[in-house]
C-alpha atoms as a PDB file:
ATOM      1  CA  MET A   1       0.150  -0.222   0.157  1.00  0.00           C
ATOM      2  CA  THR A   2       1.029   3.205  -0.682  1.00  0.00           C
ATOM      3  CA  THR A   3       2.816   5.450   1.772  1.00  0.00           C
ATOM      4  CA  LYS A   4       0.199   8.582   2.746  1.00  0.00           C
ATOM      5  CA  PHE A   5       1.324  11.802   4.156  1.00  0.00           C
ATOM      6  CA  SER A   6      -0.307  14.832   5.521  1.00  0.00           C
ATOM      7  CA  ILE A   7       0.504  18.891   4.559  1.00  0.00           C
ATOM      8  CA  GLY A   8       0.285  21.103   7.446  1.00  0.00           C
ATOM      9  CA  VAL A   9       0.364  24.855   6.611  1.00  0.00           C
ATOM     10  CA  ASP A  10       1.192  27.237   9.139  1.00  0.00           C
ATOM     11  CA  LEU A  11      -0.311  30.862   8.423  1.00  0.00           C
ATOM     12  CA  GLY A  12       1.405  34.075   9.487  1.00  0.00           C
ATOM     13  CA  GLY A  13       0.888  37.271   8.951  1.00  0.00           C
ATOM     14  CA  THR A  14       4.406  37.904   7.221  1.00  0.00           C
ATOM     15  CA  ASP A  15       5.223  34.188   5.761  1.00  0.00           C
ATOM     16  CA  ILE A  16       3.037  30.856   4.857  1.00  0.00           C
ATOM     17  CA  LYS A  17       4.978  27.372   6.050  1.00  0.00           C
ATOM     18  CA  VAL A  18       3.876  24.324   4.208  1.00  0.00           C
ATOM     19  CA  ALA A  19       5.389  20.768   5.361  1.00  0.00           C
ATOM     20  CA  VAL A  20       4.809  17.538   3.978  1.00  0.00           C
ATOM     21  CA  ILE A  21       4.933  15.373   7.798  1.00  0.00           C
ATOM     22  CA  ASP A  22       4.643  11.611   7.769  1.00  0.00           C
ATOM     23  CA  CYS A  23       2.823   9.375  10.449  1.00  0.00           C
ATOM     24  CA  GLU A  24       5.596   9.692  12.887  1.00  0.00           C
ATOM     25  CA  GLY A  25       5.431  13.085  13.062  1.00  0.00           C
ATOM     26  CA  SER A  26       8.721  14.142  10.667  1.00  0.00           C
ATOM     27  CA  VAL A  27       8.929  16.684   8.582  1.00  0.00           C
ATOM     28  CA  LEU A  28      10.103  15.497   5.694  1.00  0.00           C
ATOM     29  CA  TYR A  29      10.059  18.495   3.115  1.00  0.00           C
ATOM     30  CA  SER A  30       9.419  22.002   3.853  1.00  0.00           C
ATOM     31  CA  LEU A  31       9.683  25.559   2.582  1.00  0.00           C
ATOM     32  CA  CYS A  32       7.818  29.089   3.043  1.00  0.00           C
ATOM     33  CA  THR A  33       6.674  31.853   0.437  1.00  0.00           C
ATOM     34  CA  PRO A  34       5.126  35.134   1.660  1.00  0.00           C
ATOM     35  CA  THR A  35       1.927  35.453   2.707  1.00  0.00           C
ATOM     36  CA  GLU A  36       1.711  38.804   1.447  1.00  0.00           C
ATOM     37  CA  ALA A  37      -1.360  39.865   3.295  1.00  0.00           C
ATOM     38  CA  HIS A  38      -1.744  43.305   1.521  1.00  0.00           C
ATOM     39  CA  ARG A  39      -2.762  42.460  -1.215  1.00  0.00           C
ATOM     40  CA  GLY A  40      -6.086  40.501   0.350  1.00  0.00           C
ATOM     41  CA  TYR A  41      -7.134  36.890   1.329  1.00  0.00           C
ATOM     42  CA  GLY A  42      -7.787  35.813  -2.098  1.00  0.00           C
ATOM     43  CA  HIS A  43      -3.780  35.863  -3.138  1.00  0.00           C
ATOM     44  CA  THR A  44      -2.972  34.920   0.227  1.00  0.00           C
ATOM     45  CA  ILE A  45      -5.066  31.828  -0.114  1.00  0.00           C
ATOM     46  CA  ASN A  46      -4.002  31.383  -3.797  1.00  0.00           C
ATOM     47  CA  ASN A  47       0.114  31.867  -3.155  1.00  0.00           C
ATOM     48  CA  ILE A  48      -0.895  28.676  -0.004  1.00  0.00           C
ATOM     49  CA  ILE A  49      -1.891  26.879  -2.705  1.00  0.00           C
ATOM     50  CA  LYS A  50       1.056  27.524  -5.083  1.00  0.00           C
ATOM     51  CA  ALA A  51       3.253  26.428  -2.457  1.00  0.00           C
ATOM     52  CA  ILE A  52       1.539  23.039  -1.638  1.00  0.00           C
ATOM     53  CA  ASN A  53       1.627  21.968  -5.400  1.00  0.00           C
ATOM     54  CA  ASN A  54       5.539  23.711  -5.176  1.00  0.00           C
ATOM     55  CA  ILE A  55       6.570  21.087  -2.622  1.00  0.00           C
ATOM     56  CA  LEU A  56       4.574  18.461  -4.208  1.00  0.00           C
ATOM     57  CA  GLN A  57       6.319  18.907  -7.486  1.00  0.00           C
ATOM     58  CA  GLN A  58       9.978  19.829  -5.886  1.00  0.00           C
ATOM     59  CA  ASN A  59       9.906  16.490  -4.069  1.00  0.00           C
ATOM     60  CA  ASN A  60       8.142  14.251  -6.211  1.00  0.00           C
ATOM     61  CA  LEU A  61       5.533  14.210  -4.966  1.00  0.00           C
ATOM     62  CA  ASP A  62       1.532  12.898  -6.529  1.00  0.00           C
ATOM     63  CA  ILE A  63      -1.543  13.975  -5.306  1.00  0.00           C
ATOM     64  CA  SER A  64      -2.638  10.685  -4.377  1.00  0.00           C
ATOM     65  CA  GLN A  65       0.007  10.257  -1.715  1.00  0.00           C
ATOM     66  CA  ILE A  66      -1.085  13.564   0.521  1.00  0.00           C
ATOM     67  CA  GLU A  67      -4.457  12.194   2.646  1.00  0.00           C
ATOM     68  CA  GLY A  68      -4.751  15.912   2.960  1.00  0.00           C
ATOM     69  CA  VAL A  69      -4.326  19.235   3.982  1.00  0.00           C
ATOM     70  CA  GLY A  70      -4.615  20.932   7.611  1.00  0.00           C
ATOM     71  CA  ILE A  71      -4.070  25.043   8.508  1.00  0.00           C
ATOM     72  CA  GLY A  72      -3.159  26.532  11.484  1.00  0.00           C
ATOM     73  CA  CYS A  73      -4.161  30.264  11.546  1.00  0.00           C
ATOM     74  CA  PRO A  74      -3.892  33.204  14.040  1.00  0.00           C
ATOM     75  CA  GLY A  75      -7.126  33.879  15.019  1.00  0.00           C
ATOM     76  CA  GLN A  76     -10.792  33.158  15.490  1.00  0.00           C
ATOM     77  CA  VAL A  77     -11.274  30.004  13.651  1.00  0.00           C
ATOM     78  CA  ASP A  78     -14.591  27.519  13.542  1.00  0.00           C
ATOM     79  CA  PRO A  79     -13.010  24.696  13.022  1.00  0.00           C
ATOM     80  CA  SER A  80     -16.185  22.664  12.436  1.00  0.00           C
ATOM     81  CA  GLY A  81     -17.184  24.319   9.119  1.00  0.00           C
ATOM     82  CA  GLY A  82     -13.473  24.509   8.335  1.00  0.00           C
ATOM     83  CA  LEU A  83     -14.604  28.352   8.352  1.00  0.00           C
ATOM     84  CA  VAL A  84     -11.604  31.311   9.767  1.00  0.00           C
ATOM     85  CA  LYS A  85     -13.698  34.190  11.682  1.00  0.00           C
ATOM     86  CA  PHE A  86     -11.046  36.911  12.278  1.00  0.00           C
ATOM     87  CA  LEU A  87      -7.401  37.328  12.092  1.00  0.00           C
ATOM     88  CA  PRO A  88      -6.817  40.503  13.811  1.00  0.00           C
ATOM     89  CA  ASN A  89      -3.428  40.895  12.375  1.00  0.00           C
ATOM     90  CA  ILE A  90      -4.136  39.538   9.322  1.00  0.00           C
ATOM     91  CA  PRO A  91      -6.185  42.128   7.237  1.00  0.00           C
ATOM     92  CA  GLY A  92      -9.790  40.827   5.204  1.00  0.00           C
ATOM     93  CA  TRP A  93     -10.012  37.739   7.149  1.00  0.00           C
ATOM     94  CA  ILE A  94     -13.837  37.472   8.161  1.00  0.00           C
ATOM     95  CA  ASN A  95     -15.659  34.465   7.497  1.00  0.00           C
ATOM     96  CA  ILE A  96     -13.734  32.717   4.917  1.00  0.00           C
ATOM     97  CA  GLU A  97     -14.214  29.604   4.091  1.00  0.00           C
ATOM     98  CA  LEU A  98     -11.216  28.293   3.730  1.00  0.00           C
ATOM     99  CA  ALA A  99     -11.025  24.448   4.171  1.00  0.00           C
ATOM    100  CA  ASP A 100     -13.561  24.334   1.656  1.00  0.00           C
ATOM    101  CA  ILE A 101     -11.815  26.365  -0.512  1.00  0.00           C
ATOM    102  CA  ILE A 102      -8.538  24.319  -0.354  1.00  0.00           C
ATOM    103  CA  GLU A 103     -10.955  21.073  -0.895  1.00  0.00           C
ATOM    104  CA  LYS A 104     -12.333  22.437  -3.824  1.00  0.00           C
ATOM    105  CA  GLU A 105      -8.998  23.708  -5.835  1.00  0.00           C
ATOM    106  CA  LEU A 106      -6.322  20.265  -4.859  1.00  0.00           C
ATOM    107  CA  GLU A 107      -9.642  17.893  -4.336  1.00  0.00           C
ATOM    108  CA  LEU A 108      -7.858  16.634  -0.479  1.00  0.00           C
ATOM    109  CA  LYS A 109      -9.371  16.952   2.392  1.00  0.00           C
ATOM    110  CA  ALA A 110      -8.626  20.146   4.755  1.00  0.00           C
ATOM    111  CA  GLY A 111      -9.107  21.199   8.063  1.00  0.00           C
ATOM    112  CA  VAL A 112      -8.372  24.243   9.600  1.00  0.00           C
ATOM    113  CA  ASP A 113      -7.812  25.721  13.501  1.00  0.00           C
ATOM    114  CA  ASN A 114      -5.851  28.231  15.805  1.00  0.00           C
ATOM    115  CA  ASP A 115      -2.464  27.976  15.281  1.00  0.00           C
ATOM    116  CA  VAL A 116      -1.209  27.653  18.946  1.00  0.00           C
ATOM    117  CA  ARG A 117      -4.228  24.721  19.433  1.00  0.00           C
ATOM    118  CA  CYS A 118      -2.406  23.612  16.311  1.00  0.00           C
ATOM    119  CA  ALA A 119       0.981  23.628  18.423  1.00  0.00           C
ATOM    120  CA  ALA A 120      -0.476  21.921  20.939  1.00  0.00           C
ATOM    121  CA  LEU A 121      -1.576  18.938  19.433  1.00  0.00           C
ATOM    122  CA  GLY A 122       1.857  18.802  17.790  1.00  0.00           C
ATOM    123  CA  GLU A 123       3.657  18.916  21.629  1.00  0.00           C
ATOM    124  CA  HIS A 124       0.910  16.303  22.672  1.00  0.00           C
ATOM    125  CA  ARG A 125       1.510  13.923  20.478  1.00  0.00           C
ATOM    126  CA  PHE A 126       4.990  14.392  18.910  1.00  0.00           C
ATOM    127  CA  GLY A 127       6.951  16.722  21.609  1.00  0.00           C
ATOM    128  CA  ALA A 128       7.198  17.600  25.316  1.00  0.00           C
ATOM    129  CA  GLY A 129       3.864  16.823  26.217  1.00  0.00           C
ATOM    130  CA  LYS A 130       4.213  12.852  24.942  1.00  0.00           C
ATOM    131  CA  GLY A 131       2.795  10.682  27.456  1.00  0.00           C
ATOM    132  CA  TYR A 132       0.872  12.978  29.126  1.00  0.00           C
ATOM    133  CA  ASN A 133      -3.328  13.772  28.942  1.00  0.00           C
ATOM    134  CA  ASN A 134      -3.156  17.126  30.534  1.00  0.00           C
ATOM    135  CA  ILE A 135      -1.460  19.977  28.685  1.00  0.00           C
ATOM    136  CA  VAL A 136      -1.316  23.552  28.451  1.00  0.00           C
ATOM    137  CA  CYS A 137       0.929  24.623  25.832  1.00  0.00           C
ATOM    138  CA  ILE A 138       1.699  28.860  25.554  1.00  0.00           C
ATOM    139  CA  THR A 139       3.477  30.054  22.755  1.00  0.00           C
ATOM    140  CA  VAL A 140       4.864  34.058  23.876  1.00  0.00           C
ATOM    141  CA  GLY A 141       5.874  36.056  20.741  1.00  0.00           C
ATOM    142  CA  THR A 142       4.031  38.966  18.961  1.00  0.00           C
ATOM    143  CA  GLY A 143       1.046  37.439  21.056  1.00  0.00           C
ATOM    144  CA  ILE A 144       0.010  35.171  23.740  1.00  0.00           C
ATOM    145  CA  GLY A 145      -1.993  32.135  23.301  1.00  0.00           C
ATOM    146  CA  SER A 146      -2.293  28.852  24.331  1.00  0.00           C
ATOM    147  CA  GLY A 147      -3.917  25.456  23.396  1.00  0.00           C
ATOM    148  CA  ILE A 148      -5.562  23.081  25.829  1.00  0.00           C
ATOM    149  CA  ILE A 149      -5.820  19.216  26.455  1.00  0.00           C
ATOM    150  CA  MET A 150      -7.782  17.724  29.026  1.00  0.00           C
ATOM    151  CA  ASN A 151      -8.349  13.950  28.838  1.00  0.00           C
ATOM    152  CA  GLY A 152      -6.331  13.552  26.404  1.00  0.00           C
ATOM    153  CA  GLN A 153      -8.813  15.904  23.616  1.00  0.00           C
ATOM    154  CA  LEU A 154      -8.305  19.316  22.967  1.00  0.00           C
ATOM    155  CA  ILE A 155     -10.580  21.744  24.431  1.00  0.00           C
ATOM    156  CA  ARG A 156     -12.031  24.920  21.834  1.00  0.00           C
ATOM    157  CA  GLY A 157     -14.859  25.623  23.921  1.00  0.00           C
ATOM    158  CA  THR A 158     -18.578  26.512  23.166  1.00  0.00           C
ATOM    159  CA  ASN A 159     -17.603  28.742  20.139  1.00  0.00           C
ATOM    160  CA  ALA A 160     -13.766  27.173  19.716  1.00  0.00           C
ATOM    161  CA  SER A 161     -12.872  30.125  21.310  1.00  0.00           C
ATOM    162  CA  ALA A 162     -11.050  28.716  24.431  1.00  0.00           C
ATOM    163  CA  GLY A 163      -7.640  28.712  24.908  1.00  0.00           C
ATOM    164  CA  GLU A 164      -6.904  32.835  24.561  1.00  0.00           C
ATOM    165  CA  ILE A 165      -5.037  33.134  27.493  1.00  0.00           C
ATOM    166  CA  GLY A 166      -3.346  36.422  26.459  1.00  0.00           C
ATOM    167  CA  HIS A 167      -6.554  37.951  27.206  1.00  0.00           C
ATOM    168  CA  MET A 168      -6.698  37.314  30.628  1.00  0.00           C
ATOM    169  CA  VAL A 169      -7.286  40.325  32.789  1.00  0.00           C
ATOM    170  CA  LEU A 170      -4.233  41.065  35.288  1.00  0.00           C
ATOM    171  CA  GLN A 171      -4.480  44.379  35.485  1.00  0.00           C
ATOM    172  CA  ASP A 172      -7.917  45.733  36.622  1.00  0.00           C
ATOM    173  CA  THR A 173      -7.051  49.318  36.556  1.00  0.00           C
ATOM    174  CA  GLY A 174      -4.563  51.282  34.834  1.00  0.00           C
ATOM    175  CA  GLY A 175      -3.520  48.660  32.638  1.00  0.00           C
ATOM    176  CA  LYS A 176      -2.441  49.506  29.261  1.00  0.00           C
ATOM    177  CA  PHE A 177      -4.669  49.270  26.320  1.00  0.00           C
ATOM    178  CA  CYS A 178      -5.216  45.846  24.294  1.00  0.00           C
ATOM    179  CA  GLY A 179      -5.151  45.023  20.408  1.00  0.00           C
ATOM    180  CA  CYS A 180      -8.581  42.859  21.708  1.00  0.00           C
ATOM    181  CA  GLY A 181      -9.878  46.701  23.065  1.00  0.00           C
ATOM    182  CA  SER A 182      -9.713  45.962  26.833  1.00  0.00           C
ATOM    183  CA  THR A 183      -7.057  46.780  29.109  1.00  0.00           C
ATOM    184  CA  GLY A 184      -4.875  45.664  31.476  1.00  0.00           C
ATOM    185  CA  CYS A 185      -4.739  42.034  29.484  1.00  0.00           C
ATOM    186  CA  PHE A 186      -1.818  39.267  29.969  1.00  0.00           C
ATOM    187  CA  GLU A 187      -0.596  40.136  26.426  1.00  0.00           C
ATOM    188  CA  THR A 188       0.241  43.629  27.659  1.00  0.00           C
ATOM    189  CA  LEU A 189       2.445  42.701  30.249  1.00  0.00           C
ATOM    190  CA  ALA A 190       4.632  39.576  28.990  1.00  0.00           C
ATOM    191  CA  SER A 191       4.733  39.401  25.124  1.00  0.00           C
ATOM    192  CA  GLY A 192       7.534  40.135  23.247  1.00  0.00           C
ATOM    193  CA  PRO A 193       6.416  43.705  22.485  1.00  0.00           C
ATOM    194  CA  SER A 194       6.523  44.258  25.782  1.00  0.00           C
ATOM    195  CA  ILE A 195       9.345  43.095  26.610  1.00  0.00           C
ATOM    196  CA  VAL A 196      11.061  45.741  24.321  1.00  0.00           C
ATOM    197  CA  GLU A 197       8.586  48.563  25.472  1.00  0.00           C
ATOM    198  CA  MET A 198      10.403  47.840  28.776  1.00  0.00           C
ATOM    199  CA  ALA A 199      14.025  47.887  27.255  1.00  0.00           C
ATOM    200  CA  GLU A 200      13.063  50.976  25.647  1.00  0.00           C
ATOM    201  CA  ASN A 201      11.749  52.292  28.513  1.00  0.00           C
ATOM    202  CA  TYR A 202      15.054  51.687  30.789  1.00  0.00           C
ATOM    203  CA  ILE A 203      16.693  53.469  28.252  1.00  0.00           C
ATOM    204  CA  VAL A 204      14.960  56.658  28.336  1.00  0.00           C
ATOM    205  CA  GLY A 205      15.228  56.486  32.106  1.00  0.00           C
ATOM    206  CA  GLY A 206      19.154  56.721  31.687  1.00  0.00           C
ATOM    207  CA  LYS A 207      20.483  53.294  32.290  1.00  0.00           C
ATOM    208  CA  SER A 208      23.034  51.796  29.886  1.00  0.00           C
ATOM    209  CA  SER A 209      22.133  49.105  28.885  1.00  0.00           C
ATOM    210  CA  LYS A 210      24.174  46.099  27.057  1.00  0.00           C
ATOM    211  CA  PHE A 211      21.594  45.371  24.460  1.00  0.00           C
ATOM    212  CA  ARG A 212      21.439  48.804  23.185  1.00  0.00           C
ATOM    213  CA  GLU A 213      24.786  48.387  22.622  1.00  0.00           C
ATOM    214  CA  LEU A 214      24.501  44.716  20.853  1.00  0.00           C
ATOM    215  CA  ALA A 215      21.006  46.526  18.259  1.00  0.00           C
ATOM    216  CA  GLY A 216      23.004  49.124  16.988  1.00  0.00           C
ATOM    217  CA  ASP A 217      21.593  51.109  14.442  1.00  0.00           C
ATOM    218  CA  ASN A 218      18.606  47.879  14.057  1.00  0.00           C
ATOM    219  CA  PRO A 219      15.245  47.766  16.561  1.00  0.00           C
ATOM    220  CA  ILE A 220      15.477  46.132  20.387  1.00  0.00           C
ATOM    221  CA  THR A 221      14.313  42.815  19.926  1.00  0.00           C
ATOM    222  CA  PRO A 222      13.461  40.594  22.615  1.00  0.00           C
ATOM    223  CA  GLU A 223      15.970  38.048  20.710  1.00  0.00           C
ATOM    224  CA  ILE A 224      19.021  40.847  21.563  1.00  0.00           C
ATOM    225  CA  VAL A 225      17.689  41.499  25.487  1.00  0.00           C
ATOM    226  CA  ALA A 226      17.904  37.702  26.108  1.00  0.00           C
ATOM    227  CA  ARG A 227      21.749  37.807  24.772  1.00  0.00           C
ATOM    228  CA  ALA A 228      22.138  41.067  26.499  1.00  0.00           C
ATOM    229  CA  ALA A 229      21.169  39.047  29.873  1.00  0.00           C
ATOM    230  CA  GLY A 230      23.563  36.305  28.743  1.00  0.00           C
ATOM    231  CA  PHE A 231      26.698  38.701  29.163  1.00  0.00           C
ATOM    232  CA  GLY A 232      25.687  39.252  32.361  1.00  0.00           C
ATOM    233  CA  ASP A 233      23.603  42.569  31.994  1.00  0.00           C
ATOM    234  CA  GLU A 234      21.717  43.583  34.950  1.00  0.00           C
ATOM    235  CA  VAL A 235      18.685  45.071  33.175  1.00  0.00           C
ATOM    236  CA  ALA A 236      18.245  42.780  30.523  1.00  0.00           C
ATOM    237  CA  LYS A 237      18.010  39.889  33.463  1.00  0.00           C
ATOM    238  CA  ALA A 238      15.514  41.924  35.578  1.00  0.00           C
ATOM    239  CA  ILE A 239      13.258  43.178  32.346  1.00  0.00           C
ATOM    240  CA  PHE A 240      12.847  38.563  32.439  1.00  0.00           C
ATOM    241  CA  ARG A 241      12.223  38.361  35.412  1.00  0.00           C
ATOM    242  CA  LYS A 242       8.912  40.945  35.023  1.00  0.00           C
ATOM    243  CA  ALA A 243       7.944  38.907  32.141  1.00  0.00           C
ATOM    244  CA  GLY A 244       8.604  35.679  33.985  1.00  0.00           C
ATOM    245  CA  TYR A 245       6.768  37.430  37.150  1.00  0.00           C
ATOM    246  CA  TRP A 246       3.682  38.065  34.832  1.00  0.00           C
ATOM    247  CA  ILE A 247       3.557  34.825  33.036  1.00  0.00           C
ATOM    248  CA  GLY A 248       3.719  32.931  36.038  1.00  0.00           C
ATOM    249  CA  ILE A 249       0.610  35.275  37.820  1.00  0.00           C
ATOM    250  CA  ALA A 250      -1.403  34.257  35.038  1.00  0.00           C
ATOM    251  CA  LEU A 251      -0.232  30.452  34.676  1.00  0.00           C
ATOM    252  CA  THR A 252      -0.987  30.410  38.389  1.00  0.00           C
ATOM    253  CA  ASN A 253      -4.593  31.037  37.657  1.00  0.00           C
ATOM    254  CA  VAL A 254      -4.056  28.337  34.427  1.00  0.00           C
ATOM    255  CA  VAL A 255      -2.706  25.822  37.134  1.00  0.00           C
ATOM    256  CA  ASN A 256      -5.715  26.208  40.058  1.00  0.00           C
ATOM    257  CA  LEU A 257      -8.207  26.301  37.609  1.00  0.00           C
ATOM    258  CA  LEU A 258      -7.230  22.904  35.272  1.00  0.00           C
ATOM    259  CA  ASN A 259      -4.546  21.161  37.792  1.00  0.00           C
ATOM    260  CA  PRO A 260      -2.714  20.197  34.392  1.00  0.00           C
ATOM    261  CA  GLU A 261       0.523  17.722  34.287  1.00  0.00           C
ATOM    262  CA  ILE A 262       2.786  19.781  32.478  1.00  0.00           C
ATOM    263  CA  ILE A 263       2.809  23.428  30.314  1.00  0.00           C
ATOM    264  CA  ILE A 264       4.952  23.621  27.503  1.00  0.00           C
ATOM    265  CA  ILE A 265       5.899  26.981  26.832  1.00  0.00           C
ATOM    266  CA  GLY A 266       6.539  28.190  23.325  1.00  0.00           C
ATOM    267  CA  GLY A 267       7.443  31.337  20.959  1.00  0.00           C
ATOM    268  CA  GLY A 268      10.080  33.171  19.987  1.00  0.00           C
ATOM    269  CA  VAL A 269      10.423  34.874  23.276  1.00  0.00           C
ATOM    270  CA  ALA A 270      10.812  31.209  24.761  1.00  0.00           C
ATOM    271  CA  LYS A 271      13.844  30.501  23.280  1.00  0.00           C
ATOM    272  CA  SER A 272      15.248  32.526  26.000  1.00  0.00           C
ATOM    273  CA  GLY A 273      15.381  29.163  27.952  1.00  0.00           C
ATOM    274  CA  ASP A 274      15.796  29.499  32.154  1.00  0.00           C
ATOM    275  CA  LEU A 275      16.141  33.327  31.424  1.00  0.00           C
ATOM    276  CA  LEU A 276      12.176  33.172  31.324  1.00  0.00           C
ATOM    277  CA  LEU A 277      11.199  29.466  32.465  1.00  0.00           C
ATOM    278  CA  GLU A 278      13.032  29.926  35.396  1.00  0.00           C
ATOM    279  CA  PRO A 279      10.873  33.361  37.016  1.00  0.00           C
ATOM    280  CA  ILE A 280       8.001  31.246  35.869  1.00  0.00           C
ATOM    281  CA  ARG A 281       8.451  28.225  38.132  1.00  0.00           C
ATOM    282  CA  LYS A 282       9.065  30.152  41.186  1.00  0.00           C
ATOM    283  CA  THR A 283       6.053  32.341  41.075  1.00  0.00           C
ATOM    284  CA  VAL A 284       3.878  29.335  40.169  1.00  0.00           C
ATOM    285  CA  LYS A 285       5.556  27.592  42.749  1.00  0.00           C
ATOM    286  CA  GLU A 286       4.642  30.816  45.323  1.00  0.00           C
ATOM    287  CA  ARG A 287       1.333  31.568  44.105  1.00  0.00           C
ATOM    288  CA  ALA A 288      -0.564  28.255  43.208  1.00  0.00           C
ATOM    289  CA  LEU A 289      -2.500  25.333  45.423  1.00  0.00           C
ATOM    290  CA  LYS A 290       0.382  23.472  46.719  1.00  0.00           C
ATOM    291  CA  THR A 291      -1.600  20.183  45.477  1.00  0.00           C
ATOM    292  CA  ALA A 292      -1.851  21.266  42.141  1.00  0.00           C
ATOM    293  CA  THR A 293       1.657  22.223  41.854  1.00  0.00           C
ATOM    294  CA  GLU A 294       2.975  18.500  43.531  1.00  0.00           C
ATOM    295  CA  ASP A 295       3.531  16.535  40.083  1.00  0.00           C
ATOM    296  CA  LEU A 296       3.382  19.663  37.509  1.00  0.00           C
ATOM    297  CA  GLN A 297       6.478  20.456  35.044  1.00  0.00           C
ATOM    298  CA  ILE A 298       7.260  23.881  33.202  1.00  0.00           C
ATOM    299  CA  VAL A 299       9.307  22.843  30.121  1.00  0.00           C
ATOM    300  CA  GLU A 300      10.418  24.502  26.934  1.00  0.00           C
ATOM    301  CA  ALA A 301       8.689  22.981  24.108  1.00  0.00           C
ATOM    302  CA  GLN A 302      10.598  21.012  21.592  1.00  0.00           C
ATOM    303  CA  LEU A 303       8.953  21.211  18.470  1.00  0.00           C
ATOM    304  CA  GLY A 304      10.225  24.420  17.990  1.00  0.00           C
ATOM    305  CA  ASN A 305       9.062  26.324  14.676  1.00  0.00           C
ATOM    306  CA  ASP A 306       7.732  22.817  13.658  1.00  0.00           C
ATOM    307  CA  ALA A 307       4.761  22.492  15.740  1.00  0.00           C
ATOM    308  CA  GLY A 308       2.669  24.316  13.944  1.00  0.00           C
ATOM    309  CA  VAL A 309       2.746  22.308  10.788  1.00  0.00           C
ATOM    310  CA  ILE A 310       3.189  18.943  12.584  1.00  0.00           C
ATOM    311  CA  GLY A 311       0.211  19.903  14.840  1.00  0.00           C
ATOM    312  CA  ALA A 312      -1.886  20.963  11.484  1.00  0.00           C
ATOM    313  CA  SER A 313      -0.806  17.603   9.657  1.00  0.00           C
ATOM    314  CA  LEU A 314      -3.353  15.888  12.304  1.00  0.00           C
ATOM    315  CA  LEU A 315      -5.853  17.829  12.133  1.00  0.00           C
ATOM    316  CA  VAL A 316      -6.703  15.425   8.729  1.00  0.00           C
ATOM    317  CA  CYS A 317      -5.004  12.415  10.402  1.00  0.00           C
ATOM    318  CA  ASN A 318      -6.837   8.975   9.075  1.00  0.00           C
ATOM    319  CA  ASN A 319      -6.549   5.431  10.396  1.00  0.00           C
ATOM    320  CA  ASN A 320      -3.137   5.342   8.895  1.00  0.00           C
ATOM    321  CA  HIS A 321      -2.160   6.736  11.721  1.00  0.00           C
ATOM    322  CA  LYS A 322      -1.145   5.679  15.010  1.00  0.00           C
ATOM    323  CA  LYS A 323      -4.826   5.745  17.208  1.00  0.00           C
ATOM    324  CA  ASP A 324      -3.964   8.668  19.632  1.00  0.00           C
ATOM    325  CA  ALA A 325      -2.604  10.898  16.908  1.00  0.00           C
ATOM    326  CA  CYS A 326      -5.704  12.857  16.711  1.00  0.00           C
ATOM    327  CA  PRO A 327      -6.394  14.073  19.721  1.00  0.00           C
ATOM    328  CA  THR A 328      -8.885  16.910  18.086  1.00  0.00           C
ATOM    329  CA  GLY A 329     -11.930  16.379  19.987  1.00  0.00           C
END
């Protein structure tokens, strides 16, 4: 019997990542192509389709070897209908029947879900969450999102809106405005942009910091702040302690509510490793209920930038995969 593969797609505001995934979760082939969001959703969808056709042609794969295409999208999605409701950082994506369009164009089964939920699926099946049934996976980057798996099942909620941890309100008064329109959201306190804002405020305040030297004429980024901390810069270390504290406060609430076995932290900011993880662990240990933290692990994601495409491929898995390969609920 011909070996079947799945295609995972990770749709981002700047780039689209497409990968061919085997049933063991290995990325066999991958490529990136520009999203070109400014040209409209129709153009972006064409870019997805072209990228899929290109990756098949470049690697001598026939469409008959592909069992389906799963797509992770950065926003509100209705997986049951394959509908993209709203992508806040990609203009024009409102109520787009993405799965139906892909199925008609490629004559393949298609599935759609939120990108962080896809990452959670990938980490659960093949990454840091393998062997665990109660998982919270968060990504910390430009924004903060989460995927929740309880009793081996992905939690989507009544309107497929579960997991919006970045909009947990942590400051009831005086908080910064968030892109969602509210104030005091978790995302405004510990995301990549908030780390950059803290760094810039230290500079304005006259603090001499290594990250300014490392950035040179370029914009400061969380990665540069992390590098400065690695050089021993106390201001950079303080910034990550503050971000880790707020992430720890948010996760304390999550731990007390859901009692997960493991919390997996991914995304660009999480690449700083223990610089971020240690203050998170410290805060959760100090603030969460003791019974809820007795066996809790807080770890870095294992699949890195491939988590999204690997998880998206699981949206279209079938019985040729292992029995527990598709914990989509």
